[in-house]
Amino acid sequence: MQATEYGPLVYSKPNCVQCTATYRALDRKGIVYQVVDLTESAAAMEYVTQELGYSQAPVVVVDEHDYWAGFRPDKIEAHAA
């Protein structure tokens, strides 16, 4: 479940403040991304929690070596550069 040709995948949950902040930061940088709702996909939840080891949203996956959890404007800035 890596990023696609359409940009990073943002694994999120409804009513997630850090998710909304991440969307806004990505939008400001003009980064195209796709959102995956963790509450609607057991496979996505398993990937984020078991394979990546995260327990908070959002989880942003740029590629197999570049991913993070939480609102990380520093990572978004680096990705935009």
N, C-alpha and C. Protein backbone atom coordinates (compact mmCIF):
# COMPACT_ATOMS: atom_id res chain seq x y z
N MET A 1 0.83 -1.19 0.00
CA MET A 1 0.00 0.00 0.00
C MET A 1 0.87 1.25 0.00
N GLN A 2 1.70 1.31 -1.00
CA GLN A 2 2.60 2.45 -1.11
C GLN A 2 1.96 3.57 -1.91
N ALA A 3 2.64 4.68 -1.91
CA ALA A 3 2.17 5.83 -2.67
C ALA A 3 1.98 5.44 -4.13
N THR A 4 1.15 6.18 -4.79
CA THR A 4 0.81 5.88 -6.18
C THR A 4 1.38 6.95 -7.09
N GLU A 5 1.12 6.80 -8.36
CA GLU A 5 1.54 7.82 -9.32
C GLU A 5 0.85 9.15 -9.05
N TYR A 6 -0.19 9.11 -8.22
CA TYR A 6 -0.93 10.32 -7.87
C TYR A 6 -0.39 10.98 -6.61
N GLY A 7 0.75 10.55 -6.14
CA GLY A 7 1.36 11.16 -4.97
C GLY A 7 1.24 10.31 -3.73
N PRO A 8 1.59 10.90 -2.59
CA PRO A 8 1.58 10.14 -1.34
C PRO A 8 0.18 9.66 -0.95
N LEU A 9 0.17 8.60 -0.16
CA LEU A 9 -1.07 8.14 0.45
C LEU A 9 -1.13 8.71 1.85
N VAL A 10 -2.28 9.25 2.23
CA VAL A 10 -2.48 9.76 3.58
C VAL A 10 -3.54 8.88 4.23
N TYR A 11 -3.09 8.06 5.18
CA TYR A 11 -4.01 7.20 5.93
C TYR A 11 -4.56 8.03 7.06
N SER A 12 -5.88 8.14 7.14
CA SER A 12 -6.47 9.07 8.10
C SER A 12 -7.71 8.46 8.75
N LYS A 13 -8.26 9.24 9.68
CA LYS A 13 -9.51 8.89 10.37
C LYS A 13 -10.41 10.11 10.37
N PRO A 14 -11.71 9.90 10.46
CA PRO A 14 -12.63 11.05 10.54
C PRO A 14 -12.37 11.88 11.80
N ASN A 15 -12.63 13.16 11.70
CA ASN A 15 -12.50 14.09 12.83
C ASN A 15 -11.10 14.12 13.42
N CYS A 16 -10.11 13.98 12.58
CA CYS A 16 -8.71 13.94 13.02
C CYS A 16 -8.08 15.31 12.74
N VAL A 17 -7.76 16.03 13.80
CA VAL A 17 -7.21 17.38 13.66
C VAL A 17 -5.87 17.37 12.93
N GLN A 18 -4.99 16.43 13.29
CA GLN A 18 -3.69 16.36 12.62
C GLN A 18 -3.83 15.96 11.15
N CYS A 19 -4.85 15.17 10.85
CA CYS A 19 -5.10 14.80 9.45
C CYS A 19 -5.48 16.04 8.65
N THR A 20 -6.38 16.84 9.19
CA THR A 20 -6.81 18.07 8.52
C THR A 20 -5.64 19.01 8.32
N ALA A 21 -4.79 19.15 9.33
CA ALA A 21 -3.61 20.01 9.21
C ALA A 21 -2.68 19.49 8.12
N THR A 22 -2.56 18.17 8.01
CA THR A 22 -1.71 17.57 6.98
C THR A 22 -2.28 17.84 5.60
N TYR A 23 -3.59 17.66 5.42
CA TYR A 23 -4.22 17.96 4.12
C TYR A 23 -3.96 19.40 3.72
N ARG A 24 -4.15 20.31 4.65
CA ARG A 24 -3.97 21.73 4.35
C ARG A 24 -2.53 22.05 3.96
N ALA A 25 -1.58 21.47 4.67
CA ALA A 25 -0.17 21.71 4.35
C ALA A 25 0.19 21.14 2.99
N LEU A 26 -0.30 19.94 2.68
CA LEU A 26 -0.05 19.35 1.37
C LEU A 26 -0.69 20.20 0.27
N ASP A 27 -1.90 20.66 0.51
CA ASP A 27 -2.59 21.51 -0.46
C ASP A 27 -1.82 22.81 -0.70
N ARG A 28 -1.34 23.44 0.37
CA ARG A 28 -0.58 24.69 0.23
C ARG A 28 0.68 24.51 -0.61
N LYS A 29 1.28 23.33 -0.52
CA LYS A 29 2.50 23.05 -1.28
C LYS A 29 2.19 22.53 -2.68
N GLY A 30 0.92 22.35 -2.99
CA GLY A 30 0.54 21.86 -4.31
C GLY A 30 0.85 20.38 -4.52
N ILE A 31 0.94 19.64 -3.43
CA ILE A 31 1.24 18.21 -3.51
C ILE A 31 -0.07 17.44 -3.67
N VAL A 32 -0.15 16.67 -4.73
CA VAL A 32 -1.32 15.83 -4.97
C VAL A 32 -1.18 14.58 -4.11
N TYR A 33 -2.25 14.15 -3.48
CA TYR A 33 -2.21 12.99 -2.59
C TYR A 33 -3.55 12.27 -2.64
N GLN A 34 -3.56 11.06 -2.12
CA GLN A 34 -4.79 10.29 -2.00
C GLN A 34 -5.02 9.99 -0.53
N VAL A 35 -6.28 9.99 -0.12
CA VAL A 35 -6.65 9.72 1.27
C VAL A 35 -7.24 8.31 1.37
N VAL A 36 -6.79 7.58 2.38
CA VAL A 36 -7.34 6.27 2.70
C VAL A 36 -7.90 6.36 4.11
N ASP A 37 -9.20 6.13 4.26
CA ASP A 37 -9.85 6.19 5.57
C ASP A 37 -9.60 4.87 6.30
N LEU A 38 -8.87 4.94 7.40
CA LEU A 38 -8.52 3.74 8.15
C LEU A 38 -9.74 3.06 8.77
N THR A 39 -10.81 3.80 8.97
CA THR A 39 -12.01 3.20 9.56
C THR A 39 -12.81 2.40 8.54
N GLU A 40 -12.45 2.53 7.26
CA GLU A 40 -13.18 1.82 6.21
C GLU A 40 -12.39 0.69 5.58
N SER A 41 -11.15 0.48 6.00
CA SER A 41 -10.33 -0.55 5.39
C SER A 41 -9.51 -1.29 6.44
N ALA A 42 -9.91 -2.53 6.69
CA ALA A 42 -9.16 -3.36 7.65
C ALA A 42 -7.74 -3.60 7.15
N ALA A 43 -7.58 -3.77 5.84
CA ALA A 43 -6.24 -4.01 5.29
C ALA A 43 -5.34 -2.79 5.49
N ALA A 44 -5.88 -1.60 5.30
CA ALA A 44 -5.10 -0.38 5.51
C ALA A 44 -4.73 -0.23 6.98
N MET A 45 -5.67 -0.51 7.88
CA MET A 45 -5.40 -0.42 9.31
C MET A 45 -4.30 -1.41 9.71
N GLU A 46 -4.36 -2.61 9.17
CA GLU A 46 -3.33 -3.61 9.47
C GLU A 46 -1.97 -3.16 8.94
N TYR A 47 -1.94 -2.62 7.74
CA TYR A 47 -0.69 -2.12 7.16
C TYR A 47 -0.07 -1.04 8.04
N VAL A 48 -0.86 -0.07 8.45
CA VAL A 48 -0.37 1.06 9.24
C VAL A 48 0.09 0.60 10.63
N THR A 49 -0.70 -0.26 11.27
CA THR A 49 -0.38 -0.65 12.64
C THR A 49 0.63 -1.79 12.72
N GLN A 50 0.48 -2.79 11.89
CA GLN A 50 1.35 -3.96 11.98
C GLN A 50 2.64 -3.81 11.18
N GLU A 51 2.54 -3.39 9.93
CA GLU A 51 3.74 -3.31 9.09
C GLU A 51 4.56 -2.05 9.37
N LEU A 52 3.88 -0.91 9.52
CA LEU A 52 4.61 0.34 9.77
C LEU A 52 4.79 0.62 11.26
N GLY A 53 3.95 0.04 12.10
CA GLY A 53 4.09 0.19 13.54
C GLY A 53 3.54 1.47 14.14
N TYR A 54 2.63 2.13 13.45
CA TYR A 54 2.06 3.38 13.95
C TYR A 54 0.70 3.15 14.60
N SER A 55 0.39 4.00 15.58
CA SER A 55 -0.90 3.90 16.26
C SER A 55 -1.66 5.22 16.24
N GLN A 56 -1.16 6.20 15.48
CA GLN A 56 -1.86 7.48 15.38
C GLN A 56 -2.01 7.86 13.92
N ALA A 57 -2.98 8.70 13.66
CA ALA A 57 -3.20 9.21 12.31
C ALA A 57 -2.85 10.69 12.31
N PRO A 58 -2.51 11.20 11.15
CA PRO A 58 -2.39 10.52 9.87
C PRO A 58 -1.06 9.79 9.75
N VAL A 59 -1.02 8.87 8.82
CA VAL A 59 0.23 8.25 8.40
C VAL A 59 0.37 8.58 6.92
N VAL A 60 1.48 9.22 6.58
CA VAL A 60 1.74 9.62 5.20
C VAL A 60 2.82 8.71 4.64
N VAL A 61 2.53 8.09 3.50
CA VAL A 61 3.49 7.19 2.85
C VAL A 61 3.84 7.78 1.49
N VAL A 62 5.10 8.18 1.36
CA VAL A 62 5.61 8.71 0.10
C VAL A 62 6.15 7.56 -0.74
N ASP A 63 6.96 6.70 -0.12
CA ASP A 63 7.46 5.49 -0.76
C ASP A 63 7.83 4.50 0.34
N GLU A 64 8.42 3.37 -0.04
CA GLU A 64 8.69 2.32 0.95
C GLU A 64 9.73 2.73 2.00
N HIS A 65 10.48 3.79 1.76
CA HIS A 65 11.48 4.25 2.71
C HIS A 65 11.15 5.60 3.33
N ASP A 66 10.12 6.25 2.87
CA ASP A 66 9.78 7.60 3.32
C ASP A 66 8.32 7.64 3.76
N TYR A 67 8.12 7.58 5.08
CA TYR A 67 6.78 7.63 5.65
C TYR A 67 6.87 8.14 7.07
N TRP A 68 5.76 8.68 7.56
CA TRP A 68 5.74 9.23 8.91
C TRP A 68 4.31 9.27 9.44
N ALA A 69 4.21 9.49 10.75
CA ALA A 69 2.91 9.62 11.41
C ALA A 69 2.80 11.00 12.04
N GLY A 70 1.57 11.48 12.13
CA GLY A 70 1.32 12.78 12.74
C GLY A 70 1.49 13.92 11.74
N PHE A 71 1.21 15.11 12.21
CA PHE A 71 1.37 16.31 11.38
C PHE A 71 2.83 16.69 11.39
N ARG A 72 3.49 16.58 10.24
CA ARG A 72 4.93 16.85 10.13
C ARG A 72 5.20 17.86 9.02
N PRO A 73 5.04 19.15 9.31
CA PRO A 73 5.29 20.16 8.28
C PRO A 73 6.71 20.12 7.75
N ASP A 74 7.68 19.68 8.56
CA ASP A 74 9.06 19.56 8.10
C ASP A 74 9.18 18.52 7.00
N LYS A 75 8.50 17.39 7.15
CA LYS A 75 8.54 16.33 6.13
C LYS A 75 7.80 16.77 4.86
N ILE A 76 6.70 17.47 5.04
CA ILE A 76 5.94 17.95 3.89
C ILE A 76 6.78 18.96 3.11
N GLU A 77 7.45 19.85 3.82
CA GLU A 77 8.33 20.83 3.19
C GLU A 77 9.44 20.14 2.41
N ALA A 78 10.05 19.12 3.01
CA ALA A 78 11.13 18.38 2.34
C ALA A 78 10.61 17.68 1.09
N HIS A 79 9.41 17.15 1.16
CA HIS A 79 8.83 16.46 0.01
C HIS A 79 8.51 17.44 -1.11
N ALA A 80 8.14 18.65 -0.76
CA ALA A 80 7.79 19.66 -1.76
C ALA A 80 9.01 20.21 -2.48
N ALA A 81 10.17 20.12 -1.85
CA ALA A 81 11.40 20.71 -2.41
C ALA A 81 11.88 19.98 -3.64
